[in-house]
Amino acid sequence: MLERLEEKPKVSACQRIGKRKPATNRPISFRVESSSTVTSILQKAKRLREIEGYQSIYLCPDRTLEERTIRKKLVEQLKEKRANDPNKRYYISGINVMCEEK
């Protein structure tokens, strides 16, 4: 998958997360050696939507429990604003939900 993003990082660790459950896919956590590689991979992650067979693959940074809680609230706000005003483009930037005209 990373080769499809034109990245060939040195992966230092790779493992599945969570317990096995029938008919479900478990996330994979992997570690690369440099933070610049992580940044590069995450910037290119949107390209996966355009590659056949990778449309349901998502990459996201490792987050602490506090960061996950904040992110979840932001995503809820984002969904609410998009539902209330579909004529504007809403997105998350940092810790804010931003708005611009379409």
C-alpha atoms as a PDB file:
ATOM      1  CA  MET A   1       0.000   0.000   0.000  1.00  0.00           C
ATOM      2  CA  LEU A   2       2.771   2.463   0.870  1.00  0.00           C
ATOM      3  CA  GLU A   3       4.445   1.768  -2.464  1.00  0.00           C
ATOM      4  CA  ARG A   4       1.216   2.876  -4.167  1.00  0.00           C
ATOM      5  CA  LEU A   5       1.706   6.208  -2.368  1.00  0.00           C
ATOM      6  CA  GLU A   6       5.264   6.330  -3.717  1.00  0.00           C
ATOM      7  CA  GLU A   7       6.691   5.836  -0.239  1.00  0.00           C
ATOM      8  CA  LYS A   8       9.200   3.182   0.761  1.00  0.00           C
ATOM      9  CA  PRO A   9       9.807   3.806   4.461  1.00  0.00           C
ATOM     10  CA  LYS A  10      11.730   1.544   6.781  1.00  0.00           C
ATOM     11  CA  VAL A  11       9.007   0.033   8.975  1.00  0.00           C
ATOM     12  CA  SER A  12      10.360  -0.752  12.436  1.00  0.00           C
ATOM     13  CA  ALA A  13       7.205  -2.354  13.896  1.00  0.00           C
ATOM     14  CA  CYS A  14       3.879  -3.613  12.569  1.00  0.00           C
ATOM     15  CA  GLN A  15       0.963  -5.254  14.407  1.00  0.00           C
ATOM     16  CA  ARG A  16      -2.791  -5.721  14.395  1.00  0.00           C
ATOM     17  CA  ILE A  17      -4.774  -3.870  17.065  1.00  0.00           C
ATOM     18  CA  GLY A  18      -7.612  -5.364  19.111  1.00  0.00           C
ATOM     19  CA  LYS A  19      -8.997  -8.853  19.508  1.00  0.00           C
ATOM     20  CA  ARG A  20     -10.068 -11.108  16.667  1.00  0.00           C
ATOM     21  CA  LYS A  21     -13.772 -11.057  15.916  1.00  0.00           C
ATOM     22  CA  PRO A  22     -15.454 -12.965  13.127  1.00  0.00           C
ATOM     23  CA  ALA A  23     -16.275 -10.975   9.977  1.00  0.00           C
ATOM     24  CA  THR A  24     -14.455  -7.805  11.070  1.00  0.00           C
ATOM     25  CA  ASN A  25     -11.202  -6.210  10.015  1.00  0.00           C
ATOM     26  CA  ARG A  26      -8.787  -5.061  12.679  1.00  0.00           C
ATOM     27  CA  PRO A  27      -6.665  -1.934  12.268  1.00  0.00           C
ATOM     28  CA  ILE A  28      -2.951  -2.244  11.685  1.00  0.00           C
ATOM     29  CA  SER A  29      -0.454  -0.104  13.560  1.00  0.00           C
ATOM     30  CA  PHE A  30       2.968   0.416  12.088  1.00  0.00           C
ATOM     31  CA  ARG A  31       5.951   2.501  13.095  1.00  0.00           C
ATOM     32  CA  VAL A  32       8.406   4.213  10.787  1.00  0.00           C
ATOM     33  CA  GLU A  33      11.791   5.608  11.712  1.00  0.00           C
ATOM     34  CA  SER A  34      11.346   9.343  11.081  1.00  0.00           C
ATOM     35  CA  SER A  35       8.645  11.900  11.741  1.00  0.00           C
ATOM     36  CA  SER A  36       9.192  13.445   8.308  1.00  0.00           C
ATOM     37  CA  THR A  37       8.237  10.106   6.740  1.00  0.00           C
ATOM     38  CA  VAL A  38       5.060  10.021   8.836  1.00  0.00           C
ATOM     39  CA  THR A  39       4.148  13.521   7.667  1.00  0.00           C
ATOM     40  CA  SER A  40       4.769  12.619   4.046  1.00  0.00           C
ATOM     41  CA  ILE A  41       2.658   9.440   4.259  1.00  0.00           C
ATOM     42  CA  LEU A  42      -0.247  11.245   5.950  1.00  0.00           C
ATOM     43  CA  GLN A  43      -0.201  14.019   3.341  1.00  0.00           C
ATOM     44  CA  LYS A  44      -0.428  11.442   0.545  1.00  0.00           C
ATOM     45  CA  ALA A  45      -3.087   9.316   2.292  1.00  0.00           C
ATOM     46  CA  LYS A  46      -5.966  11.026   0.419  1.00  0.00           C
ATOM     47  CA  ARG A  47      -4.655   9.475  -2.793  1.00  0.00           C
ATOM     48  CA  LEU A  48      -5.775   6.047  -1.588  1.00  0.00           C
ATOM     49  CA  ARG A  49      -9.384   6.950  -2.429  1.00  0.00           C
ATOM     50  CA  GLU A  50      -8.420   7.112  -6.104  1.00  0.00           C
ATOM     51  CA  ILE A  51      -6.564   3.776  -6.230  1.00  0.00           C
ATOM     52  CA  GLU A  52      -8.542   0.667  -7.150  1.00  0.00           C
ATOM     53  CA  GLY A  53      -8.861  -1.675  -4.164  1.00  0.00           C
ATOM     54  CA  TYR A  54      -7.800   0.925  -1.591  1.00  0.00           C
ATOM     55  CA  GLN A  55     -10.954   3.078  -1.343  1.00  0.00           C
ATOM     56  CA  SER A  56     -11.823   1.732   2.126  1.00  0.00           C
ATOM     57  CA  ILE A  57      -8.295   2.127   3.568  1.00  0.00           C
ATOM     58  CA  TYR A  58      -7.718   5.067   5.913  1.00  0.00           C
ATOM     59  CA  LEU A  59      -4.508   6.299   7.475  1.00  0.00           C
ATOM     60  CA  CYS A  60      -4.463   8.468  10.560  1.00  0.00           C
ATOM     61  CA  PRO A  61      -1.843   9.514  13.087  1.00  0.00           C
ATOM     62  CA  ASP A  62      -1.495   7.833  16.448  1.00  0.00           C
ATOM     63  CA  ARG A  63      -3.439   9.871  19.010  1.00  0.00           C
ATOM     64  CA  THR A  64      -3.631   9.904  22.814  1.00  0.00           C
ATOM     65  CA  LEU A  65      -6.959   9.288  24.547  1.00  0.00           C
ATOM     66  CA  GLU A  66      -7.387  13.037  25.079  1.00  0.00           C
ATOM     67  CA  GLU A  67      -6.657  13.763  21.405  1.00  0.00           C
ATOM     68  CA  ARG A  68      -9.144  11.074  20.310  1.00  0.00           C
ATOM     69  CA  THR A  69     -11.848  12.587  22.549  1.00  0.00           C
ATOM     70  CA  ILE A  70     -11.263  16.080  21.131  1.00  0.00           C
ATOM     71  CA  ARG A  71     -11.215  14.730  17.568  1.00  0.00           C
ATOM     72  CA  LYS A  72     -14.482  12.847  18.110  1.00  0.00           C
ATOM     73  CA  LYS A  73     -16.208  16.045  19.301  1.00  0.00           C
ATOM     74  CA  LEU A  74     -14.849  17.960  16.297  1.00  0.00           C
ATOM     75  CA  VAL A  75     -16.130  15.314  13.889  1.00  0.00           C
ATOM     76  CA  GLU A  76     -19.580  15.455  15.533  1.00  0.00           C
ATOM     77  CA  GLN A  77     -19.611  19.263  15.148  1.00  0.00           C
ATOM     78  CA  LEU A  78     -18.484  18.923  11.546  1.00  0.00           C
ATOM     79  CA  LYS A  79     -21.276  16.470  10.683  1.00  0.00           C
ATOM     80  CA  GLU A  80     -23.864  18.683  12.376  1.00  0.00           C
ATOM     81  CA  LYS A  81     -22.750  21.814  10.525  1.00  0.00           C
ATOM     82  CA  ARG A  82     -22.635  20.003   7.178  1.00  0.00           C
ATOM     83  CA  ALA A  83     -26.170  18.692   7.722  1.00  0.00           C
ATOM     84  CA  ASN A  84     -27.506  22.132   8.738  1.00  0.00           C
ATOM     85  CA  ASP A  85     -25.861  24.072   5.898  1.00  0.00           C
ATOM     86  CA  PRO A  86     -24.950  21.890   2.878  1.00  0.00           C
ATOM     87  CA  ASN A  87     -24.186  24.975   0.739  1.00  0.00           C
ATOM     88  CA  LYS A  88     -20.929  25.648   2.592  1.00  0.00           C
ATOM     89  CA  ARG A  89     -17.734  23.616   2.829  1.00  0.00           C
ATOM     90  CA  TYR A  90     -16.806  22.656   6.387  1.00  0.00           C
ATOM     91  CA  TYR A  91     -13.515  21.077   7.448  1.00  0.00           C
ATOM     92  CA  ILE A  92     -11.377  20.519  10.525  1.00  0.00           C
ATOM     93  CA  SER A  93      -8.248  22.618  10.915  1.00  0.00           C
ATOM     94  CA  GLY A  94      -6.309  22.054  14.112  1.00  0.00           C
ATOM     95  CA  ILE A  95      -8.880  22.178  16.900  1.00  0.00           C
ATOM     96  CA  ASN A  96     -11.517  24.188  15.007  1.00  0.00           C
ATOM     97  CA  VAL A  97     -14.261  23.482  12.504  1.00  0.00           C
ATOM     98  CA  MET A  98     -13.728  25.923   9.650  1.00  0.00           C
ATOM     99  CA  CYS A  99     -16.166  27.141   7.008  1.00  0.00           C
ATOM    100  CA  GLU A 100     -15.871  28.524   3.497  1.00  0.00           C
ATOM    101  CA  GLU A 101     -18.182  29.075   0.555  1.00  0.00           C
ATOM    102  CA  LYS A 102     -18.367  26.291  -2.038  1.00  0.00           C
END
